[in-house]
């Protein structure tokens, strides 16, 4: 839970680096929260089949959009890549696989152009 809060505290911080733990715990908690909200939307009847989203899920998705992009950009920075690599995700399937590989990779050791290694700073 702590890593989710860390990512939310850096709501719109696109500079610096995010270690794998921060990125993947943020993703995990987003999935869990989305499932819970989808269940609540289904029970309350606020799920719209045509739109494919419920009221609570839609509000949560909008609220978490900027932090999700920010933590993804910081994760790319941690692997030594520019945040502009996010746009490769627009290529169907291949782009998503490339981004997955990038986010799974370990941090680049030492400092890079985006800052110090977060593993070394928080260990």
PDB file of N, CA and C in Angstrom:
ATOM      1  N   UNK A   1       0.831  -1.200   0.000  1.00  0.00           N
ATOM      2  CA  UNK A   1       0.000   0.000   0.000  1.00  0.00           C
ATOM      3  C   UNK A   1       0.870   1.256   0.000  1.00  0.00           C
ATOM      4  N   UNK A   2       2.019   1.174   0.659  1.00  0.00           N
ATOM      5  CA  UNK A   2       2.900   2.329   0.752  1.00  0.00           C
ATOM      6  C   UNK A   2       3.353   2.807  -0.628  1.00  0.00           C
ATOM      7  N   UNK A   3       3.664   1.861  -1.527  1.00  0.00           N
ATOM      8  CA  UNK A   3       4.129   2.253  -2.857  1.00  0.00           C
ATOM      9  C   UNK A   3       3.021   2.905  -3.673  1.00  0.00           C
ATOM     10  N   UNK A   4       1.788   2.517  -3.444  1.00  0.00           N
ATOM     11  CA  UNK A   4       0.647   3.145  -4.115  1.00  0.00           C
ATOM     12  C   UNK A   4       0.526   4.602  -3.668  1.00  0.00           C
ATOM     13  N   UNK A   5       0.673   4.819  -2.376  1.00  0.00           N
ATOM     14  CA  UNK A   5       0.603   6.181  -1.822  1.00  0.00           C
ATOM     15  C   UNK A   5       1.769   7.022  -2.328  1.00  0.00           C
ATOM     16  N   UNK A   6       2.957   6.424  -2.412  1.00  0.00           N
ATOM     17  CA  UNK A   6       4.131   7.149  -2.932  1.00  0.00           C
ATOM     18  C   UNK A   6       3.853   7.631  -4.348  1.00  0.00           C
ATOM     19  N   UNK A   7       3.298   6.766  -5.184  1.00  0.00           N
ATOM     20  CA  UNK A   7       2.995   7.150  -6.566  1.00  0.00           C
ATOM     21  C   UNK A   7       1.922   8.243  -6.610  1.00  0.00           C
ATOM     22  N   UNK A   8       0.914   8.141  -5.746  1.00  0.00           N
ATOM     23  CA  UNK A   8      -0.126   9.172  -5.718  1.00  0.00           C
ATOM     24  C   UNK A   8       0.406  10.506  -5.204  1.00  0.00           C
ATOM     25  N   UNK A   9       1.343  10.469  -4.274  1.00  0.00           N
ATOM     26  CA  UNK A   9       1.932  11.710  -3.770  1.00  0.00           C
ATOM     27  C   UNK A   9       2.716  12.440  -4.853  1.00  0.00           C
ATOM     28  N   UNK A  10       3.213  11.685  -5.829  1.00  0.00           N
ATOM     29  CA  UNK A  10       3.907  12.282  -6.969  1.00  0.00           C
ATOM     30  C   UNK A  10       2.920  12.401  -8.133  1.00  0.00           C
ATOM     31  N   UNK A  11       1.747  12.932  -7.854  1.00  0.00           N
ATOM     32  CA  UNK A  11       0.590  12.959  -8.750  1.00  0.00           C
ATOM     33  C   UNK A  11       0.945  13.335 -10.188  1.00  0.00           C
ATOM     34  N   UNK A  12       1.636  14.435 -10.363  1.00  0.00           N
ATOM     35  CA  UNK A  12       1.944  14.895 -11.715  1.00  0.00           C
ATOM     36  C   UNK A  12       3.440  15.157 -11.866  1.00  0.00           C
ATOM     37  N   UNK A  13       4.257  14.333 -11.235  1.00  0.00           N
ATOM     38  CA  UNK A  13       5.711  14.471 -11.330  1.00  0.00           C
ATOM     39  C   UNK A  13       6.198  13.559 -12.446  1.00  0.00           C
ATOM     40  N   UNK A  14       6.636  14.173 -13.527  1.00  0.00           N
ATOM     41  CA  UNK A  14       7.097  13.419 -14.683  1.00  0.00           C
ATOM     42  C   UNK A  14       8.615  13.361 -14.752  1.00  0.00           C
ATOM     43  N   UNK A  15       9.281  13.945 -13.782  1.00  0.00           N
ATOM     44  CA  UNK A  15      10.741  13.902 -13.749  1.00  0.00           C
ATOM     45  C   UNK A  15      11.182  12.922 -12.672  1.00  0.00           C
ATOM     46  N   UNK A  16      12.414  12.482 -12.783  1.00  0.00           N
ATOM     47  CA  UNK A  16      12.932  11.535 -11.810  1.00  0.00           C
ATOM     48  C   UNK A  16      12.712  10.104 -12.261  1.00  0.00           C
ATOM     49  N   UNK A  17      12.876   9.194 -11.310  1.00  0.00           N
ATOM     50  CA  UNK A  17      12.827   7.775 -11.626  1.00  0.00           C
ATOM     51  C   UNK A  17      11.907   7.042 -10.651  1.00  0.00           C
ATOM     52  N   UNK A  18      11.286   5.979 -11.112  1.00  0.00           N
ATOM     53  CA  UNK A  18      10.432   5.131 -10.272  1.00  0.00           C
ATOM     54  C   UNK A  18      10.928   3.701 -10.387  1.00  0.00           C
ATOM     55  N   UNK A  19      11.201   3.087  -9.256  1.00  0.00           N
ATOM     56  CA  UNK A  19      11.682   1.705  -9.301  1.00  0.00           C
ATOM     57  C   UNK A  19      10.551   0.742  -9.638  1.00  0.00           C
ATOM     58  N   UNK A  20      10.910  -0.477  -9.957  1.00  0.00           N
ATOM     59  CA  UNK A  20       9.904  -1.471 -10.341  1.00  0.00           C
ATOM     60  C   UNK A  20       8.839  -1.648  -9.275  1.00  0.00           C
ATOM     61  N   UNK A  21       9.267  -1.673  -8.030  1.00  0.00           N
ATOM     62  CA  UNK A  21       8.331  -1.893  -6.926  1.00  0.00           C
ATOM     63  C   UNK A  21       7.231  -0.834  -6.921  1.00  0.00           C
ATOM     64  N   UNK A  22       7.624   0.427  -7.075  1.00  0.00           N
ATOM     65  CA  UNK A  22       6.640   1.515  -7.089  1.00  0.00           C
ATOM     66  C   UNK A  22       5.664   1.347  -8.248  1.00  0.00           C
ATOM     67  N   UNK A  23       6.194   1.075  -9.422  1.00  0.00           N
ATOM     68  CA  UNK A  23       5.348   0.947 -10.607  1.00  0.00           C
ATOM     69  C   UNK A  23       4.396  -0.239 -10.497  1.00  0.00           C
ATOM     70  N   UNK A  24       4.899  -1.417 -10.156  1.00  0.00           N
ATOM     71  CA  UNK A  24       4.065  -2.621 -10.167  1.00  0.00           C
ATOM     72  C   UNK A  24       3.088  -2.681  -9.005  1.00  0.00           C
ATOM     73  N   UNK A  25       3.463  -2.148  -7.838  1.00  0.00           N
ATOM     74  CA  UNK A  25       2.481  -2.085  -6.749  1.00  0.00           C
ATOM     75  C   UNK A  25       1.371  -1.103  -7.087  1.00  0.00           C
ATOM     76  N   UNK A  26       1.723  -0.003  -7.745  1.00  0.00           N
ATOM     77  CA  UNK A  26       0.718   0.949  -8.199  1.00  0.00           C
ATOM     78  C   UNK A  26      -0.241   0.270  -9.171  1.00  0.00           C
ATOM     79  N   UNK A  27       0.307  -0.498 -10.116  1.00  0.00           N
ATOM     80  CA  UNK A  27      -0.530  -1.221 -11.079  1.00  0.00           C
ATOM     81  C   UNK A  27      -1.404  -2.255 -10.377  1.00  0.00           C
ATOM     82  N   UNK A  28      -0.837  -2.993  -9.431  1.00  0.00           N
ATOM     83  CA  UNK A  28      -1.597  -4.010  -8.704  1.00  0.00           C
ATOM     84  C   UNK A  28      -2.778  -3.402  -7.951  1.00  0.00           C
ATOM     85  N   UNK A  29      -2.523  -2.325  -7.210  1.00  0.00           N
ATOM     86  CA  UNK A  29      -3.605  -1.696  -6.456  1.00  0.00           C
ATOM     87  C   UNK A  29      -4.657  -1.108  -7.386  1.00  0.00           C
ATOM     88  N   UNK A  30      -4.251  -0.584  -8.542  1.00  0.00           N
ATOM     89  CA  UNK A  30      -5.233  -0.082  -9.502  1.00  0.00           C
ATOM     90  C   UNK A  30      -6.131  -1.195 -10.006  1.00  0.00           C
ATOM     91  N   UNK A  31      -5.577  -2.359 -10.258  1.00  0.00           N
ATOM     92  CA  UNK A  31      -6.380  -3.498 -10.723  1.00  0.00           C
ATOM     93  C   UNK A  31      -7.359  -3.935  -9.647  1.00  0.00           C
ATOM     94  N   UNK A  32      -6.878  -4.052  -8.413  1.00  0.00           N
ATOM     95  CA  UNK A  32      -7.746  -4.472  -7.305  1.00  0.00           C
ATOM     96  C   UNK A  32      -8.876  -3.469  -7.104  1.00  0.00           C
ATOM     97  N   UNK A  33      -8.548  -2.199  -7.091  1.00  0.00           N
ATOM     98  CA  UNK A  33      -9.560  -1.159  -6.902  1.00  0.00           C
ATOM     99  C   UNK A  33     -10.563  -1.174  -8.061  1.00  0.00           C
ATOM    100  N   UNK A  34     -10.074  -1.354  -9.282  1.00  0.00           N
ATOM    101  CA  UNK A  34     -10.971  -1.404 -10.445  1.00  0.00           C
ATOM    102  C   UNK A  34     -11.946  -2.576 -10.353  1.00  0.00           C
ATOM    103  N   UNK A  35     -11.475  -3.728  -9.889  1.00  0.00           N
ATOM    104  CA  UNK A  35     -12.353  -4.888  -9.742  1.00  0.00           C
ATOM    105  C   UNK A  35     -13.420  -4.626  -8.685  1.00  0.00           C
ATOM    106  N   UNK A  36     -13.007  -4.049  -7.564  1.00  0.00           N
ATOM    107  CA  UNK A  36     -13.962  -3.741  -6.492  1.00  0.00           C
ATOM    108  C   UNK A  36     -14.997  -2.730  -6.979  1.00  0.00           C
ATOM    109  N   UNK A  37     -14.546  -1.688  -7.666  1.00  0.00           N
ATOM    110  CA  UNK A  37     -15.483  -0.677  -8.165  1.00  0.00           C
ATOM    111  C   UNK A  37     -16.410  -1.239  -9.235  1.00  0.00           C
ATOM    112  N   UNK A  38     -15.895  -2.146 -10.068  1.00  0.00           N
ATOM    113  CA  UNK A  38     -16.748  -2.781 -11.087  1.00  0.00           C
ATOM    114  C   UNK A  38     -17.832  -3.622 -10.411  1.00  0.00           C
ATOM    115  N   UNK A  39     -17.480  -4.311  -9.341  1.00  0.00           N
ATOM    116  CA  UNK A  39     -18.470  -5.108  -8.613  1.00  0.00           C
ATOM    117  C   UNK A  39     -19.527  -4.200  -7.985  1.00  0.00           C
ATOM    118  N   UNK A  40     -19.089  -3.099  -7.400  1.00  0.00           N
ATOM    119  CA  UNK A  40     -20.039  -2.150  -6.805  1.00  0.00           C
ATOM    120  C   UNK A  40     -20.943  -1.561  -7.881  1.00  0.00           C
ATOM    121  N   UNK A  41     -20.359  -1.206  -9.031  1.00  0.00           N
ATOM    122  CA  UNK A  41     -21.161  -0.678 -10.144  1.00  0.00           C
ATOM    123  C   UNK A  41     -22.185  -1.702 -10.622  1.00  0.00           C
ATOM    124  N   UNK A  42     -21.786  -2.973 -10.685  1.00  0.00           N
ATOM    125  CA  UNK A  42     -22.710  -4.024 -11.134  1.00  0.00           C
ATOM    126  C   UNK A  42     -23.848  -4.214 -10.137  1.00  0.00           C
ATOM    127  N   UNK A  43     -23.526  -4.184  -8.853  1.00  0.00           N
ATOM    128  CA  UNK A  43     -24.544  -4.390  -7.820  1.00  0.00           C
ATOM    129  C   UNK A  43     -25.519  -3.216  -7.760  1.00  0.00           C
ATOM    130  N   UNK A  44     -24.986  -2.004  -7.902  1.00  0.00           N
ATOM    131  CA  UNK A  44     -25.837  -0.815  -7.795  1.00  0.00           C
ATOM    132  C   UNK A  44     -26.562  -0.494  -9.096  1.00  0.00           C
ATOM    133  N   UNK A  45     -26.180  -1.160 -10.183  1.00  0.00           N
ATOM    134  CA  UNK A  45     -26.840  -0.907 -11.462  1.00  0.00           C
ATOM    135  C   UNK A  45     -26.297   0.296 -12.205  1.00  0.00           C
ATOM    136  N   UNK A  46     -25.142   0.804 -11.797  1.00  0.00           N
ATOM    137  CA  UNK A  46     -24.585   1.973 -12.470  1.00  0.00           C
ATOM    138  C   UNK A  46     -23.590   1.596 -13.568  1.00  0.00           C
ATOM    139  N   UNK A  47     -23.537   0.307 -13.921  1.00  0.00           N
ATOM    140  CA  UNK A  47     -22.661  -0.146 -15.006  1.00  0.00           C
ATOM    141  C   UNK A  47     -23.388   0.016 -16.332  1.00  0.00           C
ATOM    142  N   UNK A  48     -22.744   0.635 -17.293  1.00  0.00           N
ATOM    143  CA  UNK A  48     -23.311   0.865 -18.615  1.00  0.00           C
ATOM    144  C   UNK A  48     -22.657  -0.100 -19.603  1.00  0.00           C
ATOM    145  N   UNK A  49     -23.423  -1.055 -20.117  1.00  0.00           N
ATOM    146  CA  UNK A  49     -22.871  -2.066 -21.024  1.00  0.00           C
ATOM    147  C   UNK A  49     -22.357  -1.446 -22.324  1.00  0.00           C
ATOM    148  N   UNK A  50     -23.059  -0.461 -22.847  1.00  0.00           N
ATOM    149  CA  UNK A  50     -22.632   0.169 -24.096  1.00  0.00           C
ATOM    150  C   UNK A  50     -21.291   0.869 -23.936  1.00  0.00           C
ATOM    151  N   UNK A  51     -21.101   1.566 -22.827  1.00  0.00           N
ATOM    152  CA  UNK A  51     -19.850   2.273 -22.579  1.00  0.00           C
ATOM    153  C   UNK A  51     -18.781   1.326 -22.035  1.00  0.00           C
ATOM    154  N   UNK A  52     -19.192   0.239 -21.435  1.00  0.00           N
ATOM    155  CA  UNK A  52     -18.246  -0.720 -20.880  1.00  0.00           C
ATOM    156  C   UNK A  52     -17.618  -0.286 -19.570  1.00  0.00           C
ATOM    157  N   UNK A  53     -18.255   0.660 -18.908  1.00  0.00           N
ATOM    158  CA  UNK A  53     -17.721   1.176 -17.643  1.00  0.00           C
ATOM    159  C   UNK A  53     -18.873   1.624 -16.761  1.00  0.00           C
ATOM    160  N   UNK A  54     -18.643   1.561 -15.474  1.00  0.00           N
ATOM    161  CA  UNK A  54     -19.630   2.033 -14.522  1.00  0.00           C
ATOM    162  C   UNK A  54     -19.310   3.434 -14.051  1.00  0.00           C
ATOM    163  N   UNK A  55     -20.212   4.006 -13.296  1.00  0.00           N
ATOM    164  CA  UNK A  55     -20.033   5.369 -12.806  1.00  0.00           C
ATOM    165  C   UNK A  55     -18.804   5.489 -11.915  1.00  0.00           C
ATOM    166  N   UNK A  56     -18.703   4.641 -10.895  1.00  0.00           N
ATOM    167  CA  UNK A  56     -17.566   4.716  -9.969  1.00  0.00           C
ATOM    168  C   UNK A  56     -16.259   4.370 -10.671  1.00  0.00           C
ATOM    169  N   UNK A  57     -16.288   3.356 -11.520  1.00  0.00           N
ATOM    170  CA  UNK A  57     -15.089   2.974 -12.261  1.00  0.00           C
ATOM    171  C   UNK A  57     -14.612   4.082 -13.187  1.00  0.00           C
ATOM    172  N   UNK A  58     -15.546   4.740 -13.848  1.00  0.00           N
ATOM    173  CA  UNK A  58     -15.197   5.845 -14.736  1.00  0.00           C
ATOM    174  C   UNK A  58     -14.590   7.016 -13.999  1.00  0.00           C
ATOM    175  N   UNK A  59     -15.158   7.350 -12.863  1.00  0.00           N
ATOM    176  CA  UNK A  59     -14.621   8.451 -12.054  1.00  0.00           C
ATOM    177  C   UNK A  59     -13.215   8.100 -11.571  1.00  0.00           C
ATOM    178  N   UNK A  60     -13.043   6.855 -11.114  1.00  0.00           N
ATOM    179  CA  UNK A  60     -11.723   6.424 -10.649  1.00  0.00           C
ATOM    180  C   UNK A  60     -10.709   6.445 -11.787  1.00  0.00           C
ATOM    181  N   UNK A  61     -11.107   5.973 -12.968  1.00  0.00           N
ATOM    182  CA  UNK A  61     -10.203   5.975 -14.127  1.00  0.00           C
ATOM    183  C   UNK A  61      -9.742   7.387 -14.470  1.00  0.00           C
ATOM    184  N   UNK A  62     -10.651   8.336 -14.435  1.00  0.00           N
ATOM    185  CA  UNK A  62     -10.273   9.726 -14.714  1.00  0.00           C
ATOM    186  C   UNK A  62      -9.352  10.289 -13.632  1.00  0.00           C
ATOM    187  N   UNK A  63      -9.634   9.939 -12.380  1.00  0.00           N
ATOM    188  CA  UNK A  63      -8.823  10.460 -11.271  1.00  0.00           C
ATOM    189  C   UNK A  63      -7.409   9.899 -11.297  1.00  0.00           C
ATOM    190  N   UNK A  64      -7.235   8.702 -11.790  1.00  0.00           N
ATOM    191  CA  UNK A  64      -5.941   8.030 -11.736  1.00  0.00           C
ATOM    192  C   UNK A  64      -5.166   8.149 -13.053  1.00  0.00           C
ATOM    193  N   UNK A  65      -5.734   8.795 -14.058  1.00  0.00           N
ATOM    194  CA  UNK A  65      -5.102   8.906 -15.373  1.00  0.00           C
ATOM    195  C   UNK A  65      -3.735   9.588 -15.305  1.00  0.00           C
ATOM    196  N   UNK A  66      -3.671  10.772 -14.740  1.00  0.00           N
ATOM    197  CA  UNK A  66      -2.404  11.520 -14.685  1.00  0.00           C
ATOM    198  C   UNK A  66      -1.366  10.794 -13.834  1.00  0.00           C
ATOM    199  N   UNK A  67      -1.709  10.307 -12.622  1.00  0.00           N
ATOM    200  CA  UNK A  67      -0.692   9.572 -11.862  1.00  0.00           C
ATOM    201  C   UNK A  67      -0.193   8.314 -12.578  1.00  0.00           C
ATOM    202  N   UNK A  68      -1.055   7.658 -13.334  1.00  0.00           N
ATOM    203  CA  UNK A  68      -0.639   6.459 -14.073  1.00  0.00           C
ATOM    204  C   UNK A  68       0.373   6.800 -15.156  1.00  0.00           C
ATOM    205  N   UNK A  69       0.116   7.862 -15.876  1.00  0.00           N
ATOM    206  CA  UNK A  69       1.057   8.288 -16.907  1.00  0.00           C
ATOM    207  C   UNK A  69       2.369   8.731 -16.264  1.00  0.00           C
ATOM    208  N   UNK A  70       2.271   9.475 -15.162  1.00  0.00           N
ATOM    209  CA  UNK A  70       3.469   9.981 -14.490  1.00  0.00           C
ATOM    210  C   UNK A  70       4.355   8.840 -13.980  1.00  0.00           C
ATOM    211  N   UNK A  71       3.768   7.849 -13.320  1.00  0.00           N
ATOM    212  CA  UNK A  71       4.584   6.749 -12.794  1.00  0.00           C
ATOM    213  C   UNK A  71       5.155   5.918 -13.939  1.00  0.00           C
ATOM    214  N   UNK A  72       4.448   5.813 -15.049  1.00  0.00           N
ATOM    215  CA  UNK A  72       4.963   5.082 -16.211  1.00  0.00           C
ATOM    216  C   UNK A  72       6.159   5.809 -16.828  1.00  0.00           C
ATOM    217  N   UNK A  73       6.060   7.121 -16.926  1.00  0.00           N
ATOM    218  CA  UNK A  73       7.172   7.911 -17.463  1.00  0.00           C
ATOM    219  C   UNK A  73       8.385   7.796 -16.541  1.00  0.00           C
ATOM    220  N   UNK A  74       8.161   7.896 -15.233  1.00  0.00           N
ATOM    221  CA  UNK A  74       9.281   7.762 -14.289  1.00  0.00           C
ATOM    222  C   UNK A  74       9.886   6.366 -14.353  1.00  0.00           C
ATOM    223  N   UNK A  75       9.058   5.338 -14.599  1.00  0.00           N
ATOM    224  CA  UNK A  75       9.579   3.972 -14.724  1.00  0.00           C
ATOM    225  C   UNK A  75      10.449   3.858 -15.970  1.00  0.00           C
ATOM    226  N   UNK A  76      10.022   4.464 -17.071  1.00  0.00           N
ATOM    227  CA  UNK A  76      10.849   4.468 -18.274  1.00  0.00           C
ATOM    228  C   UNK A  76      12.161   5.204 -18.025  1.00  0.00           C
ATOM    229  N   UNK A  77      12.104   6.303 -17.286  1.00  0.00           N
ATOM    230  CA  UNK A  77      13.323   7.027 -16.929  1.00  0.00           C
ATOM    231  C   UNK A  77      14.278   6.133 -16.152  1.00  0.00           C
ATOM    232  N   UNK A  78      13.732   5.294 -15.290  1.00  0.00           N
ATOM    233  CA  UNK A  78      14.566   4.420 -14.468  1.00  0.00           C
ATOM    234  C   UNK A  78      15.308   3.399 -15.312  1.00  0.00           C
ATOM    235  N   UNK A  79      14.742   3.044 -16.455  1.00  0.00           N
ATOM    236  CA  UNK A  79      15.412   2.094 -17.352  1.00  0.00           C
ATOM    237  C   UNK A  79      16.285   2.816 -18.371  1.00  0.00           C
ATOM    238  N   UNK A  80      16.426   4.128 -18.225  1.00  0.00           N
ATOM    239  CA  UNK A  80      17.295   4.900 -19.106  1.00  0.00           C
ATOM    240  C   UNK A  80      16.631   5.361 -20.390  1.00  0.00           C
ATOM    241  N   UNK A  81      15.308   5.342 -20.427  1.00  0.00           N
ATOM    242  CA  UNK A  81      14.580   5.743 -21.632  1.00  0.00           C
ATOM    243  C   UNK A  81      13.774   7.016 -21.378  1.00  0.00           C
ATOM    244  N   UNK A  82      13.528   7.735 -22.437  1.00  0.00           N
ATOM    245  CA  UNK A  82      12.706   8.935 -22.371  1.00  0.00           C
ATOM    246  C   UNK A  82      11.243   8.551 -22.170  1.00  0.00           C
ATOM    247  N   UNK A  83      10.494   9.458 -21.571  1.00  0.00           N
ATOM    248  CA  UNK A  83       9.063   9.239 -21.397  1.00  0.00           C
ATOM    249  C   UNK A  83       8.308   9.213 -22.711  1.00  0.00           C
ATOM    250  N   UNK A  84       8.916   9.716 -23.768  1.00  0.00           N
ATOM    251  CA  UNK A  84       8.274   9.697 -25.079  1.00  0.00           C
ATOM    252  C   UNK A  84       8.065   8.270 -25.584  1.00  0.00           C
ATOM    253  N   UNK A  85       8.762   7.306 -24.998  1.00  0.00           N
ATOM    254  CA  UNK A  85       8.561   5.903 -25.372  1.00  0.00           C
ATOM    255  C   UNK A  85       7.142   5.448 -25.052  1.00  0.00           C
ATOM    256  N   UNK A  86       6.423   6.187 -24.223  1.00  0.00           N
ATOM    257  CA  UNK A  86       5.025   5.837 -23.919  1.00  0.00           C
ATOM    258  C   UNK A  86       4.184   5.758 -25.190  1.00  0.00           C
ATOM    259  N   UNK A  87       4.533   6.560 -26.182  1.00  0.00           N
ATOM    260  CA  UNK A  87       3.751   6.588 -27.417  1.00  0.00           C
ATOM    261  C   UNK A  87       3.854   5.301 -28.225  1.00  0.00           C
ATOM    262  N   UNK A  88       4.853   4.472 -27.932  1.00  0.00           N
ATOM    263  CA  UNK A  88       4.944   3.192 -28.637  1.00  0.00           C
ATOM    264  C   UNK A  88       3.762   2.306 -28.261  1.00  0.00           C
ATOM    265  N   UNK A  89       3.144   2.585 -27.123  1.00  0.00           N
ATOM    266  CA  UNK A  89       1.964   1.841 -26.705  1.00  0.00           C
ATOM    267  C   UNK A  89       0.772   2.047 -27.619  1.00  0.00           C
ATOM    268  N   UNK A  90       0.833   3.055 -28.480  1.00  0.00           N
ATOM    269  CA  UNK A  90      -0.247   3.296 -29.441  1.00  0.00           C
ATOM    270  C   UNK A  90      -0.239   2.287 -30.585  1.00  0.00           C
ATOM    271  N   UNK A  91       0.884   1.586 -30.753  1.00  0.00           N
ATOM    272  CA  UNK A  91       0.949   0.535 -31.767  1.00  0.00           C
ATOM    273  C   UNK A  91       0.288  -0.704 -31.169  1.00  0.00           C
ATOM    274  N   UNK A  92      -0.784  -1.187 -31.799  1.00  0.00           N
ATOM    275  CA  UNK A  92      -1.505  -2.329 -31.220  1.00  0.00           C
ATOM    276  C   UNK A  92      -0.595  -3.536 -30.976  1.00  0.00           C
ATOM    277  N   UNK A  93      -0.771  -4.153 -29.854  1.00  0.00           N
ATOM    278  CA  UNK A  93      -0.111  -5.361 -29.387  1.00  0.00           C
ATOM    279  C   UNK A  93       1.413  -5.229 -29.251  1.00  0.00           C
ATOM    280  N   UNK A  94       2.104  -4.914 -30.335  1.00  0.00           N
ATOM    281  CA  UNK A  94       3.567  -4.831 -30.288  1.00  0.00           C
ATOM    282  C   UNK A  94       4.016  -3.731 -29.340  1.00  0.00           C
ATOM    283  N   UNK A  95       3.366  -2.574 -29.407  1.00  0.00           N
ATOM    284  CA  UNK A  95       3.730  -1.470 -28.529  1.00  0.00           C
ATOM    285  C   UNK A  95       3.511  -1.811 -27.064  1.00  0.00           C
ATOM    286  N   UNK A  96       2.426  -2.505 -26.779  1.00  0.00           N
ATOM    287  CA  UNK A  96       2.141  -2.900 -25.399  1.00  0.00           C
ATOM    288  C   UNK A  96       3.157  -3.910 -24.891  1.00  0.00           C
ATOM    289  N   UNK A  97       3.566  -4.828 -25.751  1.00  0.00           N
ATOM    290  CA  UNK A  97       4.576  -5.814 -25.360  1.00  0.00           C
ATOM    291  C   UNK A  97       5.912  -5.124 -25.097  1.00  0.00           C
ATOM    292  N   UNK A  98       6.284  -4.178 -25.945  1.00  0.00           N
ATOM    293  CA  UNK A  98       7.534  -3.443 -25.757  1.00  0.00           C
ATOM    294  C   UNK A  98       7.510  -2.686 -24.436  1.00  0.00           C
ATOM    295  N   UNK A  99       6.401  -2.003 -24.136  1.00  0.00           N
ATOM    296  CA  UNK A  99       6.303  -1.282 -22.866  1.00  0.00           C
ATOM    297  C   UNK A  99       6.359  -2.237 -21.675  1.00  0.00           C
ATOM    298  N   UNK A 100       5.740  -3.391 -21.795  1.00  0.00           N
ATOM    299  CA  UNK A 100       5.801  -4.385 -20.726  1.00  0.00           C
ATOM    300  C   UNK A 100       7.243  -4.814 -20.473  1.00  0.00           C
ATOM    301  N   UNK A 101       7.976  -5.080 -21.539  1.00  0.00           N
ATOM    302  CA  UNK A 101       9.388  -5.472 -21.404  1.00  0.00           C
ATOM    303  C   UNK A 101      10.180  -4.347 -20.746  1.00  0.00           C
ATOM    304  N   UNK A 102       9.945  -3.114 -21.167  1.00  0.00           N
ATOM    305  CA  UNK A 102      10.662  -1.978 -20.583  1.00  0.00           C
ATOM    306  C   UNK A 102      10.373  -1.844 -19.089  1.00  0.00           C
ATOM    307  N   UNK A 103       9.114  -2.026 -18.691  1.00  0.00           N
ATOM    308  CA  UNK A 103       8.766  -1.839 -17.271  1.00  0.00           C
ATOM    309  C   UNK A 103       9.227  -3.002 -16.405  1.00  0.00           C
ATOM    310  N   UNK A 104       9.465  -4.151 -17.004  1.00  0.00           N
ATOM    311  CA  UNK A 104       9.955  -5.307 -16.245  1.00  0.00           C
ATOM    312  C   UNK A 104      11.460  -5.214 -16.003  1.00  0.00           C
ATOM    313  N   UNK A 105      12.168  -4.523 -16.871  1.00  0.00           N
ATOM    314  CA  UNK A 105      13.623  -4.448 -16.768  1.00  0.00           C
ATOM    315  C   UNK A 105      14.066  -3.794 -15.463  1.00  0.00           C
ATOM    316  N   UNK A 106      15.259  -4.181 -15.021  1.00  0.00           N
ATOM    317  CA  UNK A 106      15.833  -3.630 -13.804  1.00  0.00           C
ATOM    318  C   UNK A 106      16.296  -2.193 -14.045  1.00  0.00           C
ATOM    319  N   UNK A 107      16.481  -1.471 -12.957  1.00  0.00           N
ATOM    320  CA  UNK A 107      16.969  -0.095 -13.014  1.00  0.00           C
ATOM    321  C   UNK A 107      18.370  -0.051 -13.608  1.00  0.00           C
ATOM    322  N   UNK A 108      18.660   1.044 -14.291  1.00  0.00           N
ATOM    323  CA  UNK A 108      20.026   1.279 -14.723  1.00  0.00           C
ATOM    324  C   UNK A 108      20.816   1.705 -13.492  1.00  0.00           C
ATOM    325  N   UNK A 109      21.961   1.087 -13.236  1.00  0.00           N
ATOM    326  CA  UNK A 109      22.725   1.421 -12.029  1.00  0.00           C
ATOM    327  C   UNK A 109      23.269   2.843 -12.077  1.00  0.00           C
ATOM    328  N   UNK A 110      23.409   3.418 -10.899  1.00  0.00           N
ATOM    329  CA  UNK A 110      23.979   4.763 -10.789  1.00  0.00           C
ATOM    330  C   UNK A 110      23.047   5.843 -11.297  1.00  0.00           C
ATOM    331  N   UNK A 111      23.621   7.014 -11.497  1.00  0.00           N
ATOM    332  CA  UNK A 111      22.864   8.150 -12.019  1.00  0.00           C
ATOM    333  C   UNK A 111      22.707   8.029 -13.528  1.00  0.00           C
ATOM    334  N   UNK A 112      21.609   8.546 -14.018  1.00  0.00           N
ATOM    335  CA  UNK A 112      21.461   8.738 -15.454  1.00  0.00           C
ATOM    336  C   UNK A 112      20.937  10.164 -15.653  1.00  0.00           C
ATOM    337  N   UNK A 113      20.579  10.509 -16.871  1.00  0.00           N
ATOM    338  CA  UNK A 113      20.152  11.887 -17.148  1.00  0.00           C
ATOM    339  C   UNK A 113      18.866  12.270 -16.431  1.00  0.00           C
ATOM    340  N   UNK A 114      18.173  11.287 -15.827  1.00  0.00           N
ATOM    341  CA  UNK A 114      16.908  11.555 -15.154  1.00  0.00           C
ATOM    342  C   UNK A 114      17.041  11.606 -13.630  1.00  0.00           C
ATOM    343  N   UNK A 115      18.221  11.329 -13.119  1.00  0.00           N
ATOM    344  CA  UNK A 115      18.435  11.404 -11.675  1.00  0.00           C
ATOM    345  C   UNK A 115      19.138  10.168 -11.133  1.00  0.00           C
ATOM    346  N   UNK A 116      19.228  10.136  -9.797  1.00  0.00           N
ATOM    347  CA  UNK A 116      19.895   9.027  -9.137  1.00  0.00           C
ATOM    348  C   UNK A 116      19.020   7.777  -9.107  1.00  0.00           C
ATOM    349  N   UNK A 117      19.657   6.634  -8.952  1.00  0.00           N
ATOM    350  CA  UNK A 117      18.958   5.366  -8.885  1.00  0.00           C
ATOM    351  C   UNK A 117      18.128   5.306  -7.602  1.00  0.00           C
ATOM    352  N   UNK A 118      16.795   5.137  -7.706  1.00  0.00           N
ATOM    353  CA  UNK A 118      15.956   5.111  -6.506  1.00  0.00           C
ATOM    354  C   UNK A 118      16.255   3.933  -5.585  1.00  0.00           C
ATOM    355  N   UNK A 119      16.787   2.841  -6.128  1.00  0.00           N
ATOM    356  CA  UNK A 119      17.160   1.709  -5.285  1.00  0.00           C
ATOM    357  C   UNK A 119      18.279   2.109  -4.325  1.00  0.00           C
ATOM    358  N   UNK A 120      19.234   2.840  -4.848  1.00  0.00           N
ATOM    359  CA  UNK A 120      20.367   3.258  -4.042  1.00  0.00           C
ATOM    360  C   UNK A 120      19.977   4.344  -3.054  1.00  0.00           C
ATOM    361  N   UNK A 121      18.967   5.131  -3.382  1.00  0.00           N
ATOM    362  CA  UNK A 121      18.541   6.225  -2.511  1.00  0.00           C
ATOM    363  C   UNK A 121      17.667   5.751  -1.369  1.00  0.00           C
ATOM    364  N   UNK A 122      16.900   4.651  -1.565  1.00  0.00           N
ATOM    365  CA  UNK A 122      15.951   4.213  -0.544  1.00  0.00           C
ATOM    366  C   UNK A 122      16.320   2.903   0.130  1.00  0.00           C
ATOM    367  N   UNK A 123      17.404   2.264  -0.287  1.00  0.00           N
ATOM    368  CA  UNK A 123      17.760   0.951   0.273  1.00  0.00           C
ATOM    369  C   UNK A 123      18.130   1.029   1.728  1.00  0.00           C
TER     370      UNK A 123
END
